[in-house]
N, C-alpha and C. Protein backbone atom coordinates (compact mmCIF):
# COMPACT_ATOMS: atom_id res chain seq x y z
N MET A 1 -43.72 130.02 19.90
CA MET A 1 -43.87 128.95 21.09
C MET A 1 -42.14 128.92 21.79
N PRO A 2 -42.23 128.56 22.91
CA PRO A 2 -40.93 128.48 23.74
C PRO A 2 -40.34 127.27 23.33
N ILE A 3 -38.75 127.12 23.49
CA ILE A 3 -38.36 125.92 23.61
C ILE A 3 -37.91 125.37 25.32
N HIS A 4 -38.24 124.27 25.44
CA HIS A 4 -38.35 123.76 26.83
C HIS A 4 -37.01 122.65 26.85
N GLU A 5 -36.47 122.63 28.14
CA GLU A 5 -35.15 121.87 28.23
C GLU A 5 -35.63 120.84 29.15
N TYR A 6 -35.02 119.58 28.67
CA TYR A 6 -35.68 118.40 29.75
C TYR A 6 -34.14 117.65 30.19
N ALA A 7 -33.99 116.98 31.13
CA ALA A 7 -33.07 116.14 31.55
C ALA A 7 -33.72 114.91 32.27
N ALA A 8 -33.08 113.86 32.21
CA ALA A 8 -33.20 112.53 33.10
C ALA A 8 -33.15 112.91 34.46
N VAL A 9 -34.51 112.15 35.02
CA VAL A 9 -34.43 112.32 36.76
C VAL A 9 -33.46 111.37 37.18
N THR A 10 -33.17 110.05 36.52
CA THR A 10 -32.02 109.13 37.22
C THR A 10 -31.08 108.91 36.07
N THR A 11 -31.50 107.86 35.65
CA THR A 11 -30.48 107.45 34.65
C THR A 11 -31.66 107.18 33.23
N GLY A 12 -30.76 107.33 32.17
CA GLY A 12 -31.39 107.06 31.02
C GLY A 12 -30.72 106.90 29.62
N CYS A 13 -31.05 107.21 28.37
CA CYS A 13 -30.19 106.95 27.39
C CYS A 13 -29.09 108.24 27.26
N PRO A 14 -28.11 108.12 26.48
CA PRO A 14 -27.34 109.47 26.36
C PRO A 14 -27.92 110.56 25.73
N HIS A 15 -29.23 110.54 25.11
CA HIS A 15 -29.92 111.63 24.53
C HIS A 15 -30.44 112.38 25.93
N CYS A 16 -31.05 111.75 26.94
CA CYS A 16 -31.99 112.70 27.94
C CYS A 16 -30.78 112.78 29.26
N GLU A 17 -29.62 112.03 29.30
CA GLU A 17 -28.91 112.36 30.25
C GLU A 17 -28.01 113.65 29.94
N ALA A 18 -28.03 113.97 28.65
CA ALA A 18 -27.19 115.24 28.29
C ALA A 18 -28.13 116.68 27.87
N HIS A 19 -29.55 116.35 28.61
CA HIS A 19 -30.38 117.37 28.31
C HIS A 19 -30.94 117.26 26.73
N PHE A 20 -32.08 117.61 26.65
CA PHE A 20 -32.34 117.93 24.97
C PHE A 20 -33.74 118.78 25.32
N ASP A 21 -33.65 119.60 24.06
CA ASP A 21 -34.71 120.54 23.94
C ASP A 21 -36.00 120.06 23.18
N VAL A 22 -37.20 120.85 23.79
CA VAL A 22 -38.34 120.42 22.59
C VAL A 22 -39.11 121.56 22.56
N LEU A 23 -39.48 121.85 21.58
CA LEU A 23 -40.46 122.98 21.28
C LEU A 23 -41.95 122.84 21.26
N GLN A 24 -42.29 123.31 22.37
CA GLN A 24 -43.63 123.37 23.00
C GLN A 24 -44.41 124.40 23.17
N LYS A 25 -45.61 124.32 22.99
CA LYS A 25 -46.57 125.25 23.71
C LYS A 25 -46.67 125.54 24.96
N LEU A 26 -46.96 126.76 25.76
CA LEU A 26 -47.16 126.86 26.88
C LEU A 26 -48.19 125.97 27.45
N ALA A 27 -49.17 125.82 26.92
CA ALA A 27 -50.34 125.09 27.22
C ALA A 27 -50.16 123.72 27.28
N GLU A 28 -49.26 123.30 26.69
CA GLU A 28 -49.26 121.69 26.45
C GLU A 28 -48.52 121.37 28.02
N THR A 29 -48.80 120.14 28.49
CA THR A 29 -48.45 119.62 29.51
C THR A 29 -46.87 118.96 29.27
N PRO A 30 -46.16 119.51 30.25
CA PRO A 30 -44.70 118.79 30.26
C PRO A 30 -44.47 117.28 30.05
N LEU A 31 -43.42 116.98 29.36
CA LEU A 31 -42.88 115.60 29.31
C LEU A 31 -42.70 114.75 30.51
N THR A 32 -42.97 113.69 30.64
CA THR A 32 -42.52 112.71 31.62
C THR A 32 -41.84 111.83 31.53
N GLN A 33 -41.60 111.65 30.15
CA GLN A 33 -40.67 110.28 29.80
C GLN A 33 -39.87 110.93 28.26
N CYS A 34 -38.86 110.36 28.61
CA CYS A 34 -38.02 110.62 27.45
C CYS A 34 -38.43 110.04 25.83
N PRO A 35 -38.63 110.78 24.75
CA PRO A 35 -39.20 110.07 23.53
C PRO A 35 -38.23 108.92 23.07
N ARG A 36 -37.07 108.87 23.29
CA ARG A 36 -36.15 107.80 22.55
C ARG A 36 -36.17 106.73 23.66
N CYS A 37 -35.99 106.84 24.99
CA CYS A 37 -35.93 105.67 25.64
C CYS A 37 -37.13 105.34 26.68
N GLY A 38 -37.83 106.16 26.85
CA GLY A 38 -38.73 106.12 27.91
C GLY A 38 -38.61 106.32 29.64
N ALA A 39 -37.30 106.57 29.39
CA ALA A 39 -36.75 107.04 30.91
C ALA A 39 -37.53 108.30 31.49
N ALA A 40 -37.85 108.74 32.77
CA ALA A 40 -38.18 109.56 33.57
C ALA A 40 -37.32 110.69 33.22
N VAL A 41 -38.28 112.16 32.85
CA VAL A 41 -37.48 113.16 32.43
C VAL A 41 -38.04 114.43 33.45
N ARG A 42 -37.47 115.38 33.58
CA ARG A 42 -38.36 116.62 34.20
C ARG A 42 -37.52 117.97 33.39
N ARG A 43 -38.70 118.82 33.50
CA ARG A 43 -38.27 120.10 32.77
C ARG A 43 -37.03 120.98 33.66
N VAL A 44 -36.04 121.64 32.77
CA VAL A 44 -35.29 121.96 33.68
C VAL A 44 -35.22 123.72 33.52
N ILE A 45 -35.08 124.34 34.70
CA ILE A 45 -35.41 125.96 34.55
C ILE A 45 -33.99 126.53 33.98
N CYS A 46 -33.92 127.11 32.83
CA CYS A 46 -32.78 127.51 32.35
C CYS A 46 -32.87 129.02 31.82
N ALA A 47 -31.74 129.56 31.72
CA ALA A 47 -31.88 131.07 31.15
C ALA A 47 -32.55 131.16 30.04
N PRO A 48 -33.26 132.15 29.62
CA PRO A 48 -33.73 132.29 28.23
C PRO A 48 -33.04 132.89 27.27
N ASN A 49 -32.77 132.36 26.02
CA ASN A 49 -32.04 133.22 24.97
C ASN A 49 -33.02 134.11 24.14
N VAL A 50 -32.31 135.24 24.43
CA VAL A 50 -32.95 136.41 23.84
C VAL A 50 -32.43 137.21 23.01
N ALA A 51 -33.14 137.41 21.74
CA ALA A 51 -32.23 137.98 20.63
C ALA A 51 -32.63 139.53 20.31
N ALA A 52 -31.75 140.33 20.84
CA ALA A 52 -31.75 141.67 21.05
C ALA A 52 -31.55 142.34 19.57
N GLY A 53 -32.70 143.09 19.18
CA GLY A 53 -32.47 143.78 17.87
C GLY A 53 -31.75 145.15 18.09
N ASN A 54 -31.72 146.00 16.74
CA ASN A 54 -31.38 147.20 17.10
C ASN A 54 -29.55 147.03 17.33
N SER A 55 -28.82 145.92 16.73
CA SER A 55 -27.40 145.68 16.91
C SER A 55 -26.74 146.92 15.95
N HIS A 56 -27.52 147.14 14.90
CA HIS A 56 -27.22 148.08 13.98
C HIS A 56 -26.87 149.59 14.46
N LEU A 57 -27.59 149.61 15.55
CA LEU A 57 -27.30 151.17 16.11
C LEU A 57 -25.86 151.38 16.75
N LEU A 58 -25.27 150.29 17.22
CA LEU A 58 -23.83 150.60 17.68
C LEU A 58 -22.62 150.51 16.40
N LYS A 59 -23.15 150.20 15.38
CA LYS A 59 -21.97 150.39 14.29
C LYS A 59 -21.65 151.83 14.10
N GLU A 60 -20.21 151.78 13.65
CA GLU A 60 -19.73 153.03 13.56
C GLU A 60 -20.29 154.12 12.72
N GLY A 61 -20.40 153.42 11.46
CA GLY A 61 -21.18 154.35 10.47
C GLY A 61 -22.45 154.92 10.88
N HIS A 62 -23.33 154.22 11.71
CA HIS A 62 -24.52 154.71 12.08
C HIS A 62 -24.40 155.71 13.09
N ALA A 63 -23.17 155.69 14.18
CA ALA A 63 -22.86 156.73 14.94
C ALA A 63 -22.40 157.85 14.40
N GLU A 64 -21.65 157.72 13.55
CA GLU A 64 -20.93 158.82 12.94
C GLU A 64 -22.00 159.34 12.00
N LYS A 65 -22.88 158.74 11.54
CA LYS A 65 -23.82 159.75 10.73
C LYS A 65 -24.81 160.64 11.75
N HIS A 66 -25.00 160.29 12.94
CA HIS A 66 -25.72 161.16 13.74
C HIS A 66 -25.05 161.98 14.65
N GLY A 67 -23.45 162.04 14.22
CA GLY A 67 -22.85 163.20 14.95
C GLY A 67 -22.13 162.86 16.07
N PHE A 68 -21.88 161.90 16.13
CA PHE A 68 -21.15 161.14 17.34
C PHE A 68 -19.56 160.96 17.23
N THR A 69 -18.66 160.99 18.11
CA THR A 69 -17.44 160.78 17.73
C THR A 69 -16.85 159.92 18.97
N GLN A 70 -16.00 159.00 18.52
CA GLN A 70 -15.47 157.55 19.63
C GLN A 70 -13.89 157.89 19.49
N TYR A 71 -13.35 157.90 20.57
CA TYR A 71 -12.17 158.00 20.79
C TYR A 71 -11.64 156.62 21.47
N ARG A 72 -10.62 155.64 21.07
CA ARG A 72 -10.02 154.74 21.50
C ARG A 72 -8.66 154.91 22.49
N ARG A 73 -8.42 154.40 23.41
CA ARG A 73 -7.07 154.40 24.13
C ARG A 73 -6.02 153.98 23.17
N ALA A 74 -5.12 154.87 23.01
CA ALA A 74 -3.97 154.28 22.07
C ALA A 74 -2.73 154.19 22.87
N SER A 75 -2.61 154.83 23.97
CA SER A 75 -1.65 154.47 25.06
C SER A 75 -2.07 155.26 26.37
N LYS A 76 -1.09 155.23 27.44
CA LYS A 76 -1.41 155.76 28.43
C LYS A 76 -1.69 157.36 28.61
N GLY A 77 -2.91 157.94 28.46
CA GLY A 77 -3.20 159.36 28.40
C GLY A 77 -3.26 159.72 26.92
N VAL A 78 -3.36 158.83 25.84
CA VAL A 78 -3.58 159.24 24.41
C VAL A 78 -4.71 158.32 23.93
N TYR A 79 -5.48 159.08 23.33
CA TYR A 79 -6.67 158.52 22.71
C TYR A 79 -6.86 158.96 21.33
N GLU A 80 -7.04 158.06 20.46
CA GLU A 80 -7.11 157.98 19.11
C GLU A 80 -8.35 158.07 18.31
N LYS A 81 -8.77 158.82 17.61
CA LYS A 81 -10.11 158.78 16.97
C LYS A 81 -10.42 157.82 16.26
N ALA A 82 -11.70 157.21 16.60
CA ALA A 82 -11.97 155.80 15.46
C ALA A 82 -12.94 156.46 14.74
N TYR A 83 -13.74 157.36 14.93
CA TYR A 83 -14.94 157.78 13.90
C TYR A 83 -15.27 159.01 14.40
N GLY A 84 -15.68 159.82 13.69
CA GLY A 84 -16.34 161.13 13.61
C GLY A 84 -15.49 162.29 13.32
N LYS A 85 -15.93 163.41 13.92
CA LYS A 85 -15.47 164.67 13.53
C LYS A 85 -14.58 165.34 15.02
N GLY A 86 -13.55 165.77 14.60
CA GLY A 86 -12.54 166.01 15.84
C GLY A 86 -10.85 165.94 15.48
N PRO A 87 -10.25 166.21 16.44
CA PRO A 87 -8.84 165.91 16.19
C PRO A 87 -8.35 164.41 16.23
N ARG A 88 -7.43 164.23 15.45
CA ARG A 88 -7.14 162.88 15.47
C ARG A 88 -6.77 162.02 16.79
N TYR A 89 -5.98 163.03 17.95
CA TYR A 89 -5.56 162.30 18.80
C TYR A 89 -6.12 163.14 19.97
N ILE A 90 -6.19 162.93 21.44
CA ILE A 90 -6.22 163.55 22.46
C ILE A 90 -5.72 163.15 23.71
N SER A 91 -4.66 164.23 24.14
CA SER A 91 -3.92 163.77 25.23
C SER A 91 -4.18 164.49 26.28
N ASP A 92 -3.91 163.86 27.40
CA ASP A 92 -4.24 164.86 28.83
C ASP A 92 -2.82 165.37 29.22
N LYS A 93 -1.68 165.45 28.18
CA LYS A 93 -0.51 165.90 28.83
C LYS A 93 -0.52 167.64 28.47
């Protein structure tokens, strides 16, 4: 079920003037009144919150286990190995 954001149309209580969230089914009709004060409210279109999975794939241990090496910039033209196989430093000099 998605979470819908609502806001007061004109004036209302601090709850609806500051926007509030309601967990509703898509098939439910949108709210027209604030549940606390009865003021007129409208649904606000906002960006969805998306929880992306597989964040563990970006961890150093996972990448190193699969044979990747990462270097981080230590100074201008010098890179230091963060993890993986290879030389400890790489330089463009």
